[in-house]
Every structure is written in structure tokens, then in C-alpha cells.
């Protein structure tokens, strides 16, 4: 895959996950206080994971043309970790009856 196309793909994916995090924050506003606290803590974790993914994408962007392919696994893994965490948080909110994704 050409590096620019890959970078565009992962940046779009990161942006969508960022939108999901914002959606979680909005859903938490209408939840009970204890659920709000849990979700607020989880959102802090999600934002940290998003920052890690952003940093890994920057590493791929800065890599030389010959080396970027070796570094993209780190970005892919960080994005997958973030997606998994976002999905788990949505599931926790659904279990409390605080809304759908």
C-alpha cells in the first residue's frame, strides 16, 4: 500500500474513533452520576489511547520511504486497541440502559 493512501486511511479511522469518543461523552451526560464517573474515567483512557495512535501515525509519516512499512504495524495495533476500548465502553453504557451507539 502506498504510504499516503495508508496514512489517509488511518487518519480517517482515528477521526471516526474520536467522534465515537465524543458520542460517549454526550451519552454520559444523561446517565446517572455513578455511570457518568465511570465513563469519564474511561474517556480519559480512550483519549490517552488516541494520543498513542496519533503518535504512532506521526512516526509512520516521518519514516523514510523504505522504512514506513515496518512501522505501520505499531499504528495499526494502536488503532485496534483504541477501537476495542471504544467498543467496550459503548457496551458498558448499553448495559446500564443509557442509550445506543
N, C-alpha and C. Protein backbone atom coordinates (compact mmCIF):
# COMPACT_ATOMS: atom_id res chain seq x y z
N UNK A 1 0.85 -1.17 0.00
CA UNK A 1 0.00 0.00 0.00
C UNK A 1 0.90 1.23 0.00
N UNK A 2 0.55 2.19 -0.77
CA UNK A 2 1.31 3.43 -0.84
C UNK A 2 1.14 4.17 0.48
N UNK A 3 2.23 4.76 0.98
CA UNK A 3 2.23 5.39 2.29
C UNK A 3 1.15 6.47 2.42
N UNK A 4 0.99 7.34 1.45
CA UNK A 4 0.00 8.40 1.56
C UNK A 4 -1.42 7.86 1.67
N UNK A 5 -1.71 6.81 0.91
CA UNK A 5 -3.03 6.19 0.99
C UNK A 5 -3.22 5.55 2.36
N UNK A 6 -2.20 4.89 2.85
CA UNK A 6 -2.26 4.28 4.18
C UNK A 6 -2.49 5.35 5.25
N UNK A 7 -1.72 6.43 5.18
CA UNK A 7 -1.86 7.50 6.18
C UNK A 7 -3.26 8.10 6.15
N UNK A 8 -3.79 8.30 4.97
CA UNK A 8 -5.15 8.84 4.87
C UNK A 8 -6.15 7.89 5.52
N UNK A 9 -5.99 6.59 5.26
CA UNK A 9 -6.90 5.59 5.81
C UNK A 9 -6.85 5.58 7.33
N UNK A 10 -5.66 5.57 7.90
CA UNK A 10 -5.57 5.50 9.36
C UNK A 10 -5.99 6.82 10.02
N UNK A 11 -5.75 7.93 9.37
CA UNK A 11 -6.19 9.21 9.92
C UNK A 11 -7.71 9.31 9.94
N UNK A 12 -8.36 8.81 8.89
CA UNK A 12 -9.82 8.78 8.86
C UNK A 12 -10.35 7.86 9.96
N UNK A 13 -9.71 6.73 10.12
CA UNK A 13 -10.12 5.80 11.18
C UNK A 13 -9.97 6.43 12.56
N UNK A 14 -8.87 7.13 12.79
CA UNK A 14 -8.65 7.80 14.06
C UNK A 14 -9.69 8.90 14.28
N UNK A 15 -10.02 9.63 13.22
CA UNK A 15 -11.04 10.68 13.32
C UNK A 15 -12.40 10.09 13.70
N UNK A 16 -12.76 8.98 13.09
CA UNK A 16 -14.05 8.33 13.41
C UNK A 16 -14.08 7.85 14.85
N UNK A 17 -12.97 7.29 15.30
CA UNK A 17 -12.91 6.86 16.70
C UNK A 17 -12.99 8.06 17.64
N UNK A 18 -12.41 9.18 17.24
CA UNK A 18 -12.53 10.40 18.02
C UNK A 18 -13.98 10.85 18.12
N UNK A 19 -14.71 10.71 17.02
CA UNK A 19 -16.15 11.05 17.02
C UNK A 19 -16.91 10.12 17.95
N UNK A 20 -16.52 8.85 17.97
CA UNK A 20 -17.15 7.90 18.88
C UNK A 20 -16.89 8.29 20.34
N UNK A 21 -15.70 8.74 20.63
CA UNK A 21 -15.37 9.18 22.00
C UNK A 21 -16.25 10.38 22.38
N UNK A 22 -16.42 11.31 21.46
CA UNK A 22 -17.29 12.46 21.72
C UNK A 22 -18.73 12.00 21.95
N UNK A 23 -19.17 11.02 21.18
CA UNK A 23 -20.51 10.48 21.35
C UNK A 23 -20.68 9.84 22.72
N UNK A 24 -19.66 9.14 23.17
CA UNK A 24 -19.70 8.55 24.51
C UNK A 24 -19.85 9.63 25.57
N UNK A 25 -19.11 10.70 25.42
CA UNK A 25 -19.18 11.79 26.39
C UNK A 25 -20.58 12.39 26.43
N UNK A 26 -21.22 12.53 25.28
CA UNK A 26 -22.58 13.07 25.23
C UNK A 26 -23.58 12.11 25.88
N UNK A 27 -23.41 10.83 25.63
CA UNK A 27 -24.31 9.84 26.23
C UNK A 27 -24.16 9.84 27.75
N UNK A 28 -22.95 10.02 28.22
CA UNK A 28 -22.69 10.01 29.65
C UNK A 28 -23.39 11.17 30.36
N UNK A 29 -23.60 12.27 29.65
CA UNK A 29 -24.25 13.44 30.26
C UNK A 29 -25.64 13.10 30.78
N UNK A 30 -26.33 12.18 30.12
CA UNK A 30 -27.70 11.86 30.52
C UNK A 30 -27.77 10.63 31.43
N UNK A 31 -26.62 10.09 31.79
CA UNK A 31 -26.59 8.90 32.63
C UNK A 31 -26.57 9.28 34.11
N UNK A 32 -26.73 8.28 34.95
CA UNK A 32 -26.67 8.53 36.39
C UNK A 32 -25.26 8.97 36.78
N UNK A 33 -25.13 9.54 37.96
CA UNK A 33 -23.84 10.09 38.40
C UNK A 33 -22.75 9.02 38.44
N UNK A 34 -23.08 7.84 38.93
CA UNK A 34 -22.05 6.81 39.01
C UNK A 34 -21.61 6.34 37.62
N UNK A 35 -22.54 6.25 36.68
CA UNK A 35 -22.19 5.87 35.31
C UNK A 35 -21.37 6.99 34.67
N UNK A 36 -21.76 8.24 34.93
CA UNK A 36 -21.00 9.39 34.40
C UNK A 36 -19.55 9.33 34.87
N UNK A 37 -19.35 9.02 36.13
CA UNK A 37 -17.99 8.94 36.67
C UNK A 37 -17.19 7.83 36.00
N UNK A 38 -17.81 6.68 35.84
CA UNK A 38 -17.14 5.55 35.18
C UNK A 38 -16.77 5.91 33.75
N UNK A 39 -17.71 6.48 33.03
CA UNK A 39 -17.48 6.83 31.63
C UNK A 39 -16.43 7.93 31.53
N UNK A 40 -16.45 8.89 32.45
CA UNK A 40 -15.45 9.96 32.42
C UNK A 40 -14.04 9.39 32.58
N UNK A 41 -13.89 8.45 33.48
CA UNK A 41 -12.58 7.81 33.65
C UNK A 41 -12.19 7.04 32.39
N UNK A 42 -13.15 6.34 31.81
CA UNK A 42 -12.87 5.57 30.60
C UNK A 42 -12.54 6.49 29.43
N UNK A 43 -13.19 7.63 29.34
CA UNK A 43 -12.91 8.58 28.26
C UNK A 43 -11.48 9.08 28.38
N UNK A 44 -11.01 9.30 29.60
CA UNK A 44 -9.61 9.71 29.79
C UNK A 44 -8.66 8.65 29.26
N UNK A 45 -8.99 7.38 29.50
CA UNK A 45 -8.18 6.27 28.98
C UNK A 45 -8.24 6.26 27.45
N UNK A 46 -9.44 6.45 26.91
CA UNK A 46 -9.61 6.45 25.45
C UNK A 46 -8.82 7.59 24.82
N UNK A 47 -8.84 8.75 25.43
CA UNK A 47 -8.10 9.89 24.89
C UNK A 47 -6.60 9.62 24.91
N UNK A 48 -6.14 8.93 25.94
CA UNK A 48 -4.72 8.57 26.02
C UNK A 48 -4.37 7.58 24.90
N UNK A 49 -5.25 6.61 24.68
CA UNK A 49 -5.02 5.64 23.61
C UNK A 49 -5.05 6.33 22.24
N UNK A 50 -5.92 7.31 22.08
CA UNK A 50 -5.99 8.06 20.82
C UNK A 50 -4.69 8.84 20.61
N UNK A 51 -4.16 9.40 21.67
CA UNK A 51 -2.89 10.13 21.57
C UNK A 51 -1.75 9.18 21.17
N UNK A 52 -1.76 7.98 21.74
CA UNK A 52 -0.75 6.99 21.37
C UNK A 52 -0.86 6.65 19.88
N UNK A 53 -2.08 6.45 19.41
CA UNK A 53 -2.29 6.14 17.99
C UNK A 53 -1.82 7.31 17.13
N UNK A 54 -2.14 8.52 17.53
CA UNK A 54 -1.73 9.73 16.80
C UNK A 54 -0.20 9.78 16.71
N UNK A 55 0.47 9.48 17.82
CA UNK A 55 1.94 9.49 17.84
C UNK A 55 2.51 8.43 16.91
N UNK A 56 1.91 7.26 16.91
CA UNK A 56 2.41 6.17 16.04
C UNK A 56 2.21 6.52 14.56
N UNK A 57 1.10 7.20 14.26
CA UNK A 57 0.87 7.64 12.88
C UNK A 57 1.92 8.68 12.49
N UNK A 58 2.28 9.56 13.41
CA UNK A 58 3.32 10.56 13.13
C UNK A 58 4.66 9.88 12.83
N UNK A 59 4.95 8.80 13.53
CA UNK A 59 6.20 8.06 13.29
C UNK A 59 6.20 7.50 11.87
N UNK A 60 5.07 6.95 11.46
CA UNK A 60 4.98 6.41 10.09
C UNK A 60 5.15 7.53 9.08
N UNK A 61 4.51 8.67 9.35
CA UNK A 61 4.59 9.81 8.42
C UNK A 61 6.04 10.30 8.30
N UNK A 62 6.78 10.30 9.40
CA UNK A 62 8.15 10.81 9.40
C UNK A 62 9.17 9.80 8.88
N UNK A 63 8.78 8.54 8.78
CA UNK A 63 9.72 7.49 8.36
C UNK A 63 10.10 7.66 6.90
N UNK A 64 11.25 7.17 6.59
CA UNK A 64 11.70 7.18 5.21
C UNK A 64 10.85 6.26 4.35
N UNK A 65 10.93 6.47 3.07
CA UNK A 65 10.12 5.70 2.12
C UNK A 65 10.36 4.20 2.24
N UNK A 66 11.56 3.81 2.61
CA UNK A 66 11.88 2.39 2.71
C UNK A 66 11.51 1.79 4.06
N UNK A 67 11.30 2.61 5.08
CA UNK A 67 11.10 2.09 6.44
C UNK A 67 9.66 2.16 6.94
N UNK A 68 8.81 2.91 6.31
CA UNK A 68 7.48 3.14 6.87
C UNK A 68 6.67 1.85 6.99
N UNK A 69 6.87 0.91 6.09
CA UNK A 69 6.11 -0.34 6.12
C UNK A 69 6.36 -1.14 7.39
N UNK A 70 7.56 -1.03 7.92
CA UNK A 70 7.90 -1.75 9.16
C UNK A 70 7.24 -1.10 10.38
N UNK A 71 6.90 0.17 10.25
CA UNK A 71 6.37 0.92 11.39
C UNK A 71 4.84 0.95 11.43
N UNK A 72 4.21 0.62 10.33
CA UNK A 72 2.75 0.73 10.29
C UNK A 72 2.05 -0.24 11.22
N UNK A 73 2.68 -1.36 11.57
CA UNK A 73 2.07 -2.30 12.50
C UNK A 73 1.80 -1.62 13.85
N UNK A 74 2.72 -0.79 14.28
CA UNK A 74 2.53 -0.08 15.54
C UNK A 74 1.30 0.83 15.49
N UNK A 75 1.12 1.52 14.39
CA UNK A 75 -0.06 2.38 14.23
C UNK A 75 -1.33 1.54 14.14
N UNK A 76 -1.27 0.45 13.38
CA UNK A 76 -2.44 -0.42 13.26
C UNK A 76 -2.83 -1.01 14.62
N UNK A 77 -1.83 -1.46 15.38
CA UNK A 77 -2.10 -2.04 16.69
C UNK A 77 -2.70 -1.01 17.64
N UNK A 78 -2.19 0.22 17.61
CA UNK A 78 -2.71 1.28 18.49
C UNK A 78 -4.16 1.61 18.12
N UNK A 79 -4.45 1.67 16.84
CA UNK A 79 -5.83 1.94 16.41
C UNK A 79 -6.76 0.80 16.79
N UNK A 80 -6.30 -0.42 16.65
CA UNK A 80 -7.13 -1.58 17.02
C UNK A 80 -7.39 -1.59 18.53
N UNK A 81 -6.39 -1.25 19.32
CA UNK A 81 -6.54 -1.17 20.77
C UNK A 81 -7.57 -0.09 21.13
N UNK A 82 -7.49 1.05 20.47
CA UNK A 82 -8.44 2.13 20.71
C UNK A 82 -9.85 1.70 20.32
N UNK A 83 -10.00 1.07 19.15
CA UNK A 83 -11.32 0.63 18.70
C UNK A 83 -11.93 -0.36 19.70
N UNK A 84 -11.13 -1.29 20.15
CA UNK A 84 -11.60 -2.28 21.11
C UNK A 84 -12.07 -1.59 22.41
N UNK A 85 -11.31 -0.64 22.88
CA UNK A 85 -11.66 0.08 24.11
C UNK A 85 -12.93 0.90 23.92
N UNK A 86 -13.09 1.54 22.77
CA UNK A 86 -14.30 2.31 22.48
C UNK A 86 -15.51 1.38 22.45
N UNK A 87 -15.38 0.26 21.76
CA UNK A 87 -16.48 -0.70 21.67
C UNK A 87 -16.88 -1.21 23.06
N UNK A 88 -15.89 -1.52 23.88
CA UNK A 88 -16.17 -1.99 25.24
C UNK A 88 -16.89 -0.94 26.07
N UNK A 89 -16.52 0.30 25.90
CA UNK A 89 -17.16 1.39 26.65
C UNK A 89 -18.61 1.54 26.20
N UNK A 90 -18.87 1.48 24.89
CA UNK A 90 -20.25 1.53 24.40
C UNK A 90 -21.07 0.38 24.99
N UNK A 91 -20.48 -0.80 25.06
CA UNK A 91 -21.20 -1.95 25.63
C UNK A 91 -21.53 -1.72 27.10
N UNK A 92 -20.60 -1.15 27.84
CA UNK A 92 -20.86 -0.86 29.25
C UNK A 92 -22.02 0.12 29.41
N UNK A 93 -22.06 1.12 28.54
CA UNK A 93 -23.15 2.10 28.62
C UNK A 93 -24.47 1.44 28.26
N UNK A 94 -24.47 0.59 27.23
CA UNK A 94 -25.71 -0.10 26.84
C UNK A 94 -26.22 -0.96 27.98
N UNK A 95 -25.33 -1.61 28.71
CA UNK A 95 -25.74 -2.48 29.82
C UNK A 95 -26.40 -1.68 30.93
N UNK A 96 -26.08 -0.40 31.04
CA UNK A 96 -26.69 0.43 32.07
C UNK A 96 -28.03 1.00 31.59
N UNK A 97 -28.33 0.80 30.30
CA UNK A 97 -29.57 1.33 29.76
C UNK A 97 -29.49 2.80 29.41
N UNK A 98 -28.27 3.29 29.18
CA UNK A 98 -28.08 4.72 28.93
C UNK A 98 -28.06 5.07 27.45
N UNK A 99 -28.43 4.18 26.60
CA UNK A 99 -28.52 4.53 25.19
C UNK A 99 -27.81 3.57 24.28
N UNK A 100 -27.95 3.83 22.98
CA UNK A 100 -27.33 3.02 21.94
C UNK A 100 -26.24 3.82 21.28
N UNK A 101 -25.42 3.09 20.53
CA UNK A 101 -24.33 3.73 19.79
C UNK A 101 -24.91 4.49 18.67
